[in-house]
PDB file of N, CA and C in Angstrom:
ATOM      1  N   MET A   1     -55.245 -62.522 -85.471  1.00  0.00           N
ATOM      2  CA  MET A   1     -54.677 -62.058 -84.223  1.00  0.00           C
ATOM      3  C   MET A   1     -53.179 -61.830 -84.443  1.00  0.00           C
ATOM      4  N   ALA A   2     -52.677 -60.604 -84.229  1.00  0.00           N
ATOM      5  CA  ALA A   2     -51.279 -60.282 -84.493  1.00  0.00           C
ATOM      6  C   ALA A   2     -50.513 -60.119 -83.191  1.00  0.00           C
ATOM      7  N   ASP A   3     -49.238 -60.473 -83.242  1.00  0.00           N
ATOM      8  CA  ASP A   3     -48.327 -60.270 -82.127  1.00  0.00           C
ATOM      9  C   ASP A   3     -48.009 -58.783 -82.087  1.00  0.00           C
ATOM     10  N   GLU A   4     -48.209 -58.143 -80.937  1.00  0.00           N
ATOM     11  CA  GLU A   4     -48.019 -56.700 -80.842  1.00  0.00           C
ATOM     12  C   GLU A   4     -46.569 -56.279 -81.043  1.00  0.00           C
ATOM     13  N   SER A   5     -45.601 -57.152 -80.748  1.00  0.00           N
ATOM     14  CA  SER A   5     -44.197 -56.754 -80.821  1.00  0.00           C
ATOM     15  C   SER A   5     -43.689 -56.604 -82.256  1.00  0.00           C
ATOM     16  N   ASN A   6     -44.136 -57.450 -83.175  1.00  0.00           N
ATOM     17  CA  ASN A   6     -43.592 -57.353 -84.537  1.00  0.00           C
ATOM     18  C   ASN A   6     -44.652 -57.466 -85.633  1.00  0.00           C
ATOM     19  N   GLY A   7     -45.905 -57.526 -85.308  1.00  0.00           N
ATOM     20  CA  GLY A   7     -46.967 -57.540 -86.294  1.00  0.00           C
ATOM     21  C   GLY A   7     -47.191 -58.870 -86.995  1.00  0.00           C
ATOM     22  N   THR A   8     -46.448 -59.921 -86.624  1.00  0.00           N
ATOM     23  CA  THR A   8     -46.650 -61.236 -87.243  1.00  0.00           C
ATOM     24  C   THR A   8     -47.854 -61.918 -86.604  1.00  0.00           C
ATOM     25  N   PRO A   9     -48.507 -62.786 -87.364  1.00  0.00           N
ATOM     26  CA  PRO A   9     -49.663 -63.486 -86.798  1.00  0.00           C
ATOM     27  C   PRO A   9     -49.254 -64.339 -85.596  1.00  0.00           C
ATOM     28  N   LYS A  10     -50.064 -64.284 -84.580  1.00  0.00           N
ATOM     29  CA  LYS A  10     -49.824 -65.075 -83.371  1.00  0.00           C
ATOM     30  C   LYS A  10     -50.380 -66.484 -83.606  1.00  0.00           C
ATOM     31  N   ALA A  11     -49.595 -67.485 -83.248  1.00  0.00           N
ATOM     32  CA  ALA A  11     -50.029 -68.866 -83.434  1.00  0.00           C
ATOM     33  C   ALA A  11     -51.164 -69.195 -82.473  1.00  0.00           C
ATOM     34  N   VAL A  12     -52.165 -69.866 -82.991  1.00  0.00           N
ATOM     35  CA  VAL A  12     -53.278 -70.310 -82.167  1.00  0.00           C
ATOM     36  C   VAL A  12     -53.012 -71.750 -81.770  1.00  0.00           C
ATOM     37  N   THR A  13     -53.082 -72.025 -80.490  1.00  0.00           N
ATOM     38  CA  THR A  13     -52.829 -73.375 -79.995  1.00  0.00           C
ATOM     39  C   THR A  13     -54.086 -73.906 -79.342  1.00  0.00           C
ATOM     40  N   SER A  14     -54.464 -75.101 -79.736  1.00  0.00           N
ATOM     41  CA  SER A  14     -55.585 -75.785 -79.098  1.00  0.00           C
ATOM     42  C   SER A  14     -55.018 -76.960 -78.325  1.00  0.00           C
ATOM     43  N   THR A  15     -55.601 -77.244 -77.187  1.00  0.00           N
ATOM     44  CA  THR A  15     -55.136 -78.368 -76.377  1.00  0.00           C
ATOM     45  C   THR A  15     -56.287 -79.312 -76.090  1.00  0.00           C
ATOM     46  N   LEU A  16     -55.941 -80.574 -75.981  1.00  0.00           N
ATOM     47  CA  LEU A  16     -56.921 -81.599 -75.645  1.00  0.00           C
ATOM     48  C   LEU A  16     -56.216 -82.619 -74.767  1.00  0.00           C
ATOM     49  N   GLN A  17     -56.763 -82.870 -73.601  1.00  0.00           N
ATOM     50  CA  GLN A  17     -56.192 -83.848 -72.690  1.00  0.00           C
ATOM     51  C   GLN A  17     -57.285 -84.846 -72.344  1.00  0.00           C
ATOM     52  N   MET A  18     -56.975 -86.112 -72.582  1.00  0.00           N
ATOM     53  CA  MET A  18     -57.931 -87.162 -72.261  1.00  0.00           C
ATOM     54  C   MET A  18     -57.256 -88.155 -71.320  1.00  0.00           C
ATOM     55  N   THR A  19     -57.974 -88.534 -70.282  1.00  0.00           N
ATOM     56  CA  THR A  19     -57.484 -89.523 -69.333  1.00  0.00           C
ATOM     57  C   THR A  19     -58.581 -90.565 -69.159  1.00  0.00           C
ATOM     58  N   PHE A  20     -58.202 -91.827 -69.347  1.00  0.00           N
ATOM     59  CA  PHE A  20     -59.179 -92.912 -69.226  1.00  0.00           C
ATOM     60  C   PHE A  20     -58.839 -93.752 -68.008  1.00  0.00           C
ATOM     61  N   ASP A  21     -59.793 -93.922 -67.136  1.00  0.00           N
ATOM     62  CA  ASP A  21     -59.639 -94.754 -65.947  1.00  0.00           C
ATOM     63  C   ASP A  21     -60.225 -96.124 -66.261  1.00  0.00           C
ATOM     64  N   HIS A  22     -59.376 -97.127 -66.410  1.00  0.00           N
ATOM     65  CA  HIS A  22     -59.828 -98.469 -66.767  1.00  0.00           C
ATOM     66  C   HIS A  22     -60.671 -99.099 -65.665  1.00  0.00           C
ATOM     67  N   ALA A  23     -60.360 -98.786 -64.425  1.00  0.00           N
ATOM     68  CA  ALA A  23     -61.087 -99.390 -63.298  1.00  0.00           C
ATOM     69  C   ALA A  23     -62.550 -98.962 -63.289  1.00  0.00           C
ATOM     70  N   THR A  24     -62.790 -97.686 -63.554  1.00  0.00           N
ATOM     71  CA  THR A  24     -64.162 -97.171 -63.507  1.00  0.00           C
ATOM     72  C   THR A  24     -64.766 -96.972 -64.894  1.00  0.00           C
ATOM     73  N   PHE A  25     -63.966 -97.229 -65.933  1.00  0.00           N
ATOM     74  CA  PHE A  25     -64.385 -97.034 -67.323  1.00  0.00           C
ATOM     75  C   PHE A  25     -64.889 -95.610 -67.530  1.00  0.00           C
ATOM     76  N   HIS A  26     -64.083 -94.654 -67.019  1.00  0.00           N
ATOM     77  CA  HIS A  26     -64.448 -93.231 -67.097  1.00  0.00           C
ATOM     78  C   HIS A  26     -63.421 -92.482 -67.933  1.00  0.00           C
ATOM     79  N   LEU A  27     -63.903 -91.671 -68.858  1.00  0.00           N
ATOM     80  CA  LEU A  27     -63.040 -90.836 -69.699  1.00  0.00           C
ATOM     81  C   LEU A  27     -63.191 -89.386 -69.255  1.00  0.00           C
ATOM     82  N   ASP A  28     -62.067 -88.787 -68.846  1.00  0.00           N
ATOM     83  CA  ASP A  28     -62.046 -87.387 -68.445  1.00  0.00           C
ATOM     84  C   ASP A  28     -61.452 -86.590 -69.603  1.00  0.00           C
ATOM     85  N   VAL A  29     -62.155 -85.586 -70.082  1.00  0.00           N
ATOM     86  CA  VAL A  29     -61.706 -84.794 -71.223  1.00  0.00           C
ATOM     87  C   VAL A  29     -61.641 -83.329 -70.813  1.00  0.00           C
ATOM     88  N   LYS A  30     -60.475 -82.704 -71.120  1.00  0.00           N
ATOM     89  CA  LYS A  30     -60.286 -81.280 -70.841  1.00  0.00           C
ATOM     90  C   LYS A  30     -59.595 -80.662 -72.042  1.00  0.00           C
ATOM     91  N   GLY A  31     -59.767 -79.377 -72.235  1.00  0.00           N
ATOM     92  CA  GLY A  31     -59.044 -78.727 -73.319  1.00  0.00           C
ATOM     93  C   GLY A  31     -59.574 -77.352 -73.643  1.00  0.00           C
ATOM     94  N   GLU A  32     -58.865 -76.733 -74.588  1.00  0.00           N
ATOM     95  CA  GLU A  32     -59.249 -75.409 -75.079  1.00  0.00           C
ATOM     96  C   GLU A  32     -59.135 -75.400 -76.593  1.00  0.00           C
ATOM     97  N   ALA A  33     -60.143 -74.919 -77.250  1.00  0.00           N
ATOM     98  CA  ALA A  33     -60.138 -74.788 -78.711  1.00  0.00           C
ATOM     99  C   ALA A  33     -61.201 -73.762 -79.091  1.00  0.00           C
ATOM    100  N   PRO A  34     -61.054 -73.187 -80.281  1.00  0.00           N
ATOM    101  CA  PRO A  34     -62.036 -72.185 -80.716  1.00  0.00           C
ATOM    102  C   PRO A  34     -63.464 -72.729 -80.826  1.00  0.00           C
ATOM    103  N   HIS A  35     -63.577 -74.014 -81.239  1.00  0.00           N
ATOM    104  CA  HIS A  35     -64.900 -74.617 -81.342  1.00  0.00           C
ATOM    105  C   HIS A  35     -64.758 -76.141 -81.310  1.00  0.00           C
ATOM    106  N   VAL A  36     -65.855 -76.815 -81.140  1.00  0.00           N
ATOM    107  CA  VAL A  36     -65.842 -78.272 -80.971  1.00  0.00           C
ATOM    108  C   VAL A  36     -65.295 -78.989 -82.211  1.00  0.00           C
ATOM    109  N   GLY A  37     -65.433 -78.410 -83.380  1.00  0.00           N
ATOM    110  CA  GLY A  37     -64.916 -79.020 -84.596  1.00  0.00           C
ATOM    111  C   GLY A  37     -63.405 -79.229 -84.538  1.00  0.00           C
ATOM    112  N   VAL A  38     -62.710 -78.329 -83.844  1.00  0.00           N
ATOM    113  CA  VAL A  38     -61.260 -78.470 -83.689  1.00  0.00           C
ATOM    114  C   VAL A  38     -60.957 -79.709 -82.852  1.00  0.00           C
ATOM    115  N   PHE A  39     -61.735 -79.925 -81.800  1.00  0.00           N
ATOM    116  CA  PHE A  39     -61.538 -81.120 -80.969  1.00  0.00           C
ATOM    117  C   PHE A  39     -61.767 -82.392 -81.793  1.00  0.00           C
ATOM    118  N   ILE A  40     -62.798 -82.371 -82.600  1.00  0.00           N
ATOM    119  CA  ILE A  40     -63.103 -83.543 -83.433  1.00  0.00           C
ATOM    120  C   ILE A  40     -61.956 -83.799 -84.407  1.00  0.00           C
ATOM    121  N   ALA A  41     -61.457 -82.746 -85.039  1.00  0.00           N
ATOM    122  CA  ALA A  41     -60.328 -82.895 -85.965  1.00  0.00           C
ATOM    123  C   ALA A  41     -59.089 -83.406 -85.237  1.00  0.00           C
ATOM    124  N   MET A  42     -58.859 -82.929 -84.020  1.00  0.00           N
ATOM    125  CA  MET A  42     -57.713 -83.382 -83.232  1.00  0.00           C
ATOM    126  C   MET A  42     -57.836 -84.870 -82.910  1.00  0.00           C
ATOM    127  N   CYS A  43     -59.023 -85.293 -82.541  1.00  0.00           N
ATOM    128  CA  CYS A  43     -59.244 -86.712 -82.236  1.00  0.00           C
ATOM    129  C   CYS A  43     -59.056 -87.573 -83.480  1.00  0.00           C
ATOM    130  N   GLN A  44     -59.523 -87.108 -84.612  1.00  0.00           N
ATOM    131  CA  GLN A  44     -59.355 -87.852 -85.858  1.00  0.00           C
ATOM    132  C   GLN A  44     -57.881 -87.969 -86.221  1.00  0.00           C
ATOM    133  N   GLN A  45     -57.135 -86.874 -86.069  1.00  0.00           N
ATOM    134  CA  GLN A  45     -55.702 -86.898 -86.368  1.00  0.00           C
ATOM    135  C   GLN A  45     -54.975 -87.824 -85.395  1.00  0.00           C
ATOM    136  N   ALA A  46     -55.348 -87.766 -84.123  1.00  0.00           N
ATOM    137  CA  ALA A  46     -54.723 -88.646 -83.122  1.00  0.00           C
ATOM    138  C   ALA A  46     -54.978 -90.103 -83.477  1.00  0.00           C
ATOM    139  N   LEU A  47     -56.179 -90.427 -83.908  1.00  0.00           N
ATOM    140  CA  LEU A  47     -56.503 -91.795 -84.303  1.00  0.00           C
ATOM    141  C   LEU A  47     -55.620 -92.236 -85.469  1.00  0.00           C
ATOM    142  N   ARG A  48     -55.477 -91.363 -86.469  1.00  0.00           N
ATOM    143  CA  ARG A  48     -54.610 -91.697 -87.607  1.00  0.00           C
ATOM    144  C   ARG A  48     -53.170 -91.925 -87.155  1.00  0.00           C
ATOM    145  N   GLU A  49     -52.696 -91.100 -86.237  1.00  0.00           N
ATOM    146  CA  GLU A  49     -51.333 -91.241 -85.724  1.00  0.00           C
ATOM    147  C   GLU A  49     -51.162 -92.565 -84.975  1.00  0.00           C
ATOM    148  N   PHE A  50     -52.109 -92.891 -84.111  1.00  0.00           N
ATOM    149  CA  PHE A  50     -52.036 -94.145 -83.355  1.00  0.00           C
ATOM    150  C   PHE A  50     -52.098 -95.351 -84.284  1.00  0.00           C
ATOM    151  N   GLU A  51     -52.946 -95.277 -85.306  1.00  0.00           N
ATOM    152  CA  GLU A  51     -53.038 -96.379 -86.267  1.00  0.00           C
ATOM    153  C   GLU A  51     -51.729 -96.542 -87.030  1.00  0.00           C
ATOM    154  N   ALA A  52     -51.108 -95.437 -87.415  1.00  0.00           N
ATOM    155  CA  ALA A  52     -49.826 -95.503 -88.128  1.00  0.00           C
ATOM    156  C   ALA A  52     -48.744 -96.095 -87.235  1.00  0.00           C
ATOM    157  N   GLN A  53     -48.718 -95.690 -85.979  1.00  0.00           N
ATOM    158  CA  GLN A  53     -47.748 -96.240 -85.037  1.00  0.00           C
ATOM    159  C   GLN A  53     -47.972 -97.736 -84.849  1.00  0.00           C
ATOM    160  N   ASP A  54     -49.234 -98.133 -84.736  1.00  0.00           N
ATOM    161  CA  ASP A  54     -49.563 -99.552 -84.563  1.00  0.00           C
ATOM    162  C   ASP A  54     -49.129-100.361 -85.786  1.00  0.00           C
ATOM    163  N   ARG A  55     -49.381 -99.824 -86.988  1.00  0.00           N
ATOM    164  CA  ARG A  55     -48.952-100.515 -88.210  1.00  0.00           C
ATOM    165  C   ARG A  55     -47.435-100.664 -88.255  1.00  0.00           C
ATOM    166  N   ALA A  56     -46.717 -99.632 -87.856  1.00  0.00           N
ATOM    167  CA  ALA A  56     -45.255 -99.678 -87.858  1.00  0.00           C
ATOM    168  C   ALA A  56     -44.747-100.725 -86.864  1.00  0.00           C
ATOM    169  N   ILE A  57     -45.351-100.780 -85.703  1.00  0.00           N
ATOM    170  CA  ILE A  57     -44.954-101.776 -84.696  1.00  0.00           C
ATOM    171  C   ILE A  57     -45.230-103.178 -85.211  1.00  0.00           C
ATOM    172  N   ARG A  58     -46.408-103.380 -85.785  1.00  0.00           N
ATOM    173  CA  ARG A  58     -46.763-104.705 -86.309  1.00  0.00           C
ATOM    174  C   ARG A  58     -45.843-105.108 -87.462  1.00  0.00           C
ATOM    175  N   ALA A  59     -45.472-104.164 -88.318  1.00  0.00           N
ATOM    176  CA  ALA A  59     -44.576-104.461 -89.441  1.00  0.00           C
ATOM    177  C   ALA A  59     -43.199-104.867 -88.915  1.00  0.00           C
ATOM    178  N   THR A  60     -42.723-104.176 -87.897  1.00  0.00           N
ATOM    179  CA  THR A  60     -41.436-104.519 -87.288  1.00  0.00           C
ATOM    180  C   THR A  60     -41.483-105.911 -86.673  1.00  0.00           C
ATOM    181  N   GLN A  61     -42.585-106.209 -85.978  1.00  0.00           N
ATOM    182  CA  GLN A  61     -42.734-107.533 -85.377  1.00  0.00           C
ATOM    183  C   GLN A  61     -42.800-108.620 -86.447  1.00  0.00           C
ATOM    184  N   LEU A  62     -43.526-108.378 -87.521  1.00  0.00           N
ATOM    185  CA  LEU A  62     -43.636-109.348 -88.605  1.00  0.00           C
ATOM    186  C   LEU A  62     -42.280-109.571 -89.266  1.00  0.00           C
ATOM    187  N   ALA A  63     -41.533-108.497 -89.489  1.00  0.00           N
ATOM    188  CA  ALA A  63     -40.207-108.624 -90.085  1.00  0.00           C
ATOM    189  C   ALA A  63     -39.298-109.466 -89.196  1.00  0.00           C
ATOM    190  N   ALA A  64     -39.391-109.269 -87.881  1.00  0.00           N
ATOM    191  CA  ALA A  64     -38.584-110.059 -86.945  1.00  0.00           C
ATOM    192  C   ALA A  64     -38.992-111.529 -86.997  1.00  0.00           C
ATOM    193  N   GLN A  65     -40.290-111.798 -87.076  1.00  0.00           N
ATOM    194  CA  GLN A  65     -40.773-113.187 -87.176  1.00  0.00           C
ATOM    195  C   GLN A  65     -40.272-113.844 -88.458  1.00  0.00           C
ATOM    196  N   ILE A  66     -40.316-113.107 -89.555  1.00  0.00           N
ATOM    197  CA  ILE A  66     -39.861-113.651 -90.842  1.00  0.00           C
ATOM    198  C   ILE A  66     -38.367-113.958 -90.778  1.00  0.00           C
ATOM    199  N   ARG A  67     -37.580-113.028 -90.198  1.00  0.00           N
ATOM    200  CA  ARG A  67     -36.136-113.278 -90.061  1.00  0.00           C
ATOM    201  C   ARG A  67     -35.883-114.526 -89.218  1.00  0.00           C
ATOM    202  N   GLU A  68     -36.636-114.684 -88.149  1.00  0.00           N
ATOM    203  CA  GLU A  68     -36.470-115.852 -87.280  1.00  0.00           C
ATOM    204  C   GLU A  68     -36.838-117.134 -88.026  1.00  0.00           C
ATOM    205  N   GLN A  69     -37.902-117.103 -88.797  1.00  0.00           N
ATOM    206  CA  GLN A  69     -38.292-118.268 -89.594  1.00  0.00           C
ATOM    207  C   GLN A  69     -37.221-118.592 -90.635  1.00  0.00           C
ATOM    208  N   GLN A  70     -36.649-117.560 -91.246  1.00  0.00           N
ATOM    209  CA  GLN A  70     -35.599-117.774 -92.238  1.00  0.00           C
ATOM    210  C   GLN A  70     -34.356-118.389 -91.587  1.00  0.00           C
ATOM    211  N   ARG A  71     -34.021-117.919 -90.383  1.00  0.00           N
ATOM    212  CA  ARG A  71     -32.885-118.513 -89.660  1.00  0.00           C
ATOM    213  C   ARG A  71     -33.157-119.987 -89.376  1.00  0.00           C
ATOM    214  N   GLY A  72     -34.370-120.268 -88.920  1.00  0.00           N
ATOM    215  CA  GLY A  72     -34.742-121.657 -88.646  1.00  0.00           C
ATOM    216  C   GLY A  72     -34.678-122.509 -89.897  1.00  0.00           C
ATOM    217  N   GLN A  73     -35.172-121.969 -91.001  1.00  0.00           N
ATOM    218  CA  GLN A  73     -35.140-122.705 -92.273  1.00  0.00           C
ATOM    219  C   GLN A  73     -33.707-122.954 -92.722  1.00  0.00           C
ATOM    220  N   ALA A  74     -32.830-121.973 -92.531  1.00  0.00           N
ATOM    221  CA  ALA A  74     -31.419-122.135 -92.908  1.00  0.00           C
ATOM    222  C   ALA A  74     -30.768-123.243 -92.085  1.00  0.00           C
ATOM    223  N   ILE A  75     -31.118-123.308 -90.818  1.00  0.00           N
ATOM    224  CA  ILE A  75     -30.576-124.377 -89.962  1.00  0.00           C
ATOM    225  C   ILE A  75     -31.068-125.735 -90.433  1.00  0.00           C
ATOM    226  N   VAL A  76     -32.347-125.835 -90.737  1.00  0.00           N
ATOM    227  CA  VAL A  76     -32.915-127.085 -91.226  1.00  0.00           C
ATOM    228  C   VAL A  76     -32.222-127.503 -92.520  1.00  0.00           C
ATOM    229  N   GLU A  77     -32.013-126.559 -93.425  1.00  0.00           N
ATOM    230  CA  GLU A  77     -31.365-126.876 -94.715  1.00  0.00           C
ATOM    231  C   GLU A  77     -29.927-127.345 -94.503  1.00  0.00           C
ATOM    232  N   LYS A  78     -29.201-126.730 -93.564  1.00  0.00           N
ATOM    233  CA  LYS A  78     -27.850-127.166 -93.267  1.00  0.00           C
ATOM    234  C   LYS A  78     -27.844-128.602 -92.762  1.00  0.00           C
ATOM    235  N   ILE A  79     -28.759-128.890 -91.852  1.00  0.00           N
ATOM    236  CA  ILE A  79     -28.844-130.233 -91.285  1.00  0.00           C
ATOM    237  C   ILE A  79     -29.213-131.235 -92.367  1.00  0.00           C
ATOM    238  N   MET A  80     -30.128-130.879 -93.251  1.00  0.00           N
ATOM    239  CA  MET A  80     -30.561-131.776 -94.315  1.00  0.00           C
ATOM    240  C   MET A  80     -29.431-132.057 -95.310  1.00  0.00           C
ATOM    241  N   HIS A  81     -28.600-131.072 -95.560  1.00  0.00           N
ATOM    242  CA  HIS A  81     -27.490-131.248 -96.511  1.00  0.00           C
ATOM    243  C   HIS A  81     -26.381-132.133 -95.923  1.00  0.00           C
ATOM    244  N   ARG A  82     -26.273-132.145 -94.604  1.00  0.00           N
ATOM    245  CA  ARG A  82     -25.262-132.982 -93.938  1.00  0.00           C
ATOM    246  C   ARG A  82     -25.672-134.450 -93.940  1.00  0.00           C
ATOM    247  N   ALA A  83     -26.967-134.687 -93.934  1.00  0.00           N
ATOM    248  CA  ALA A  83     -27.451-136.067 -93.833  1.00  0.00           C
ATOM    249  C   ALA A  83     -27.266-136.854 -95.096  1.00  0.00           C
TER     250      ALA A  83
END
């Protein structure tokens, strides 16, 4: 599909909108794509993205916990050296 103004290929955009109602446990799905395989690929990519974000958040939280434990250990060592 070419753009009539300059002959360059026109970008194809697929959309997928999902809304989940926790109260009724209902998933509403809307979107446009050339075929269902595109929706499946979009969902798979979204899952990978969410998993990567979750891993990054967990790594940040773990790093903060480790820093806090190290601070606590440093305090304990200071107190032990004074005694």
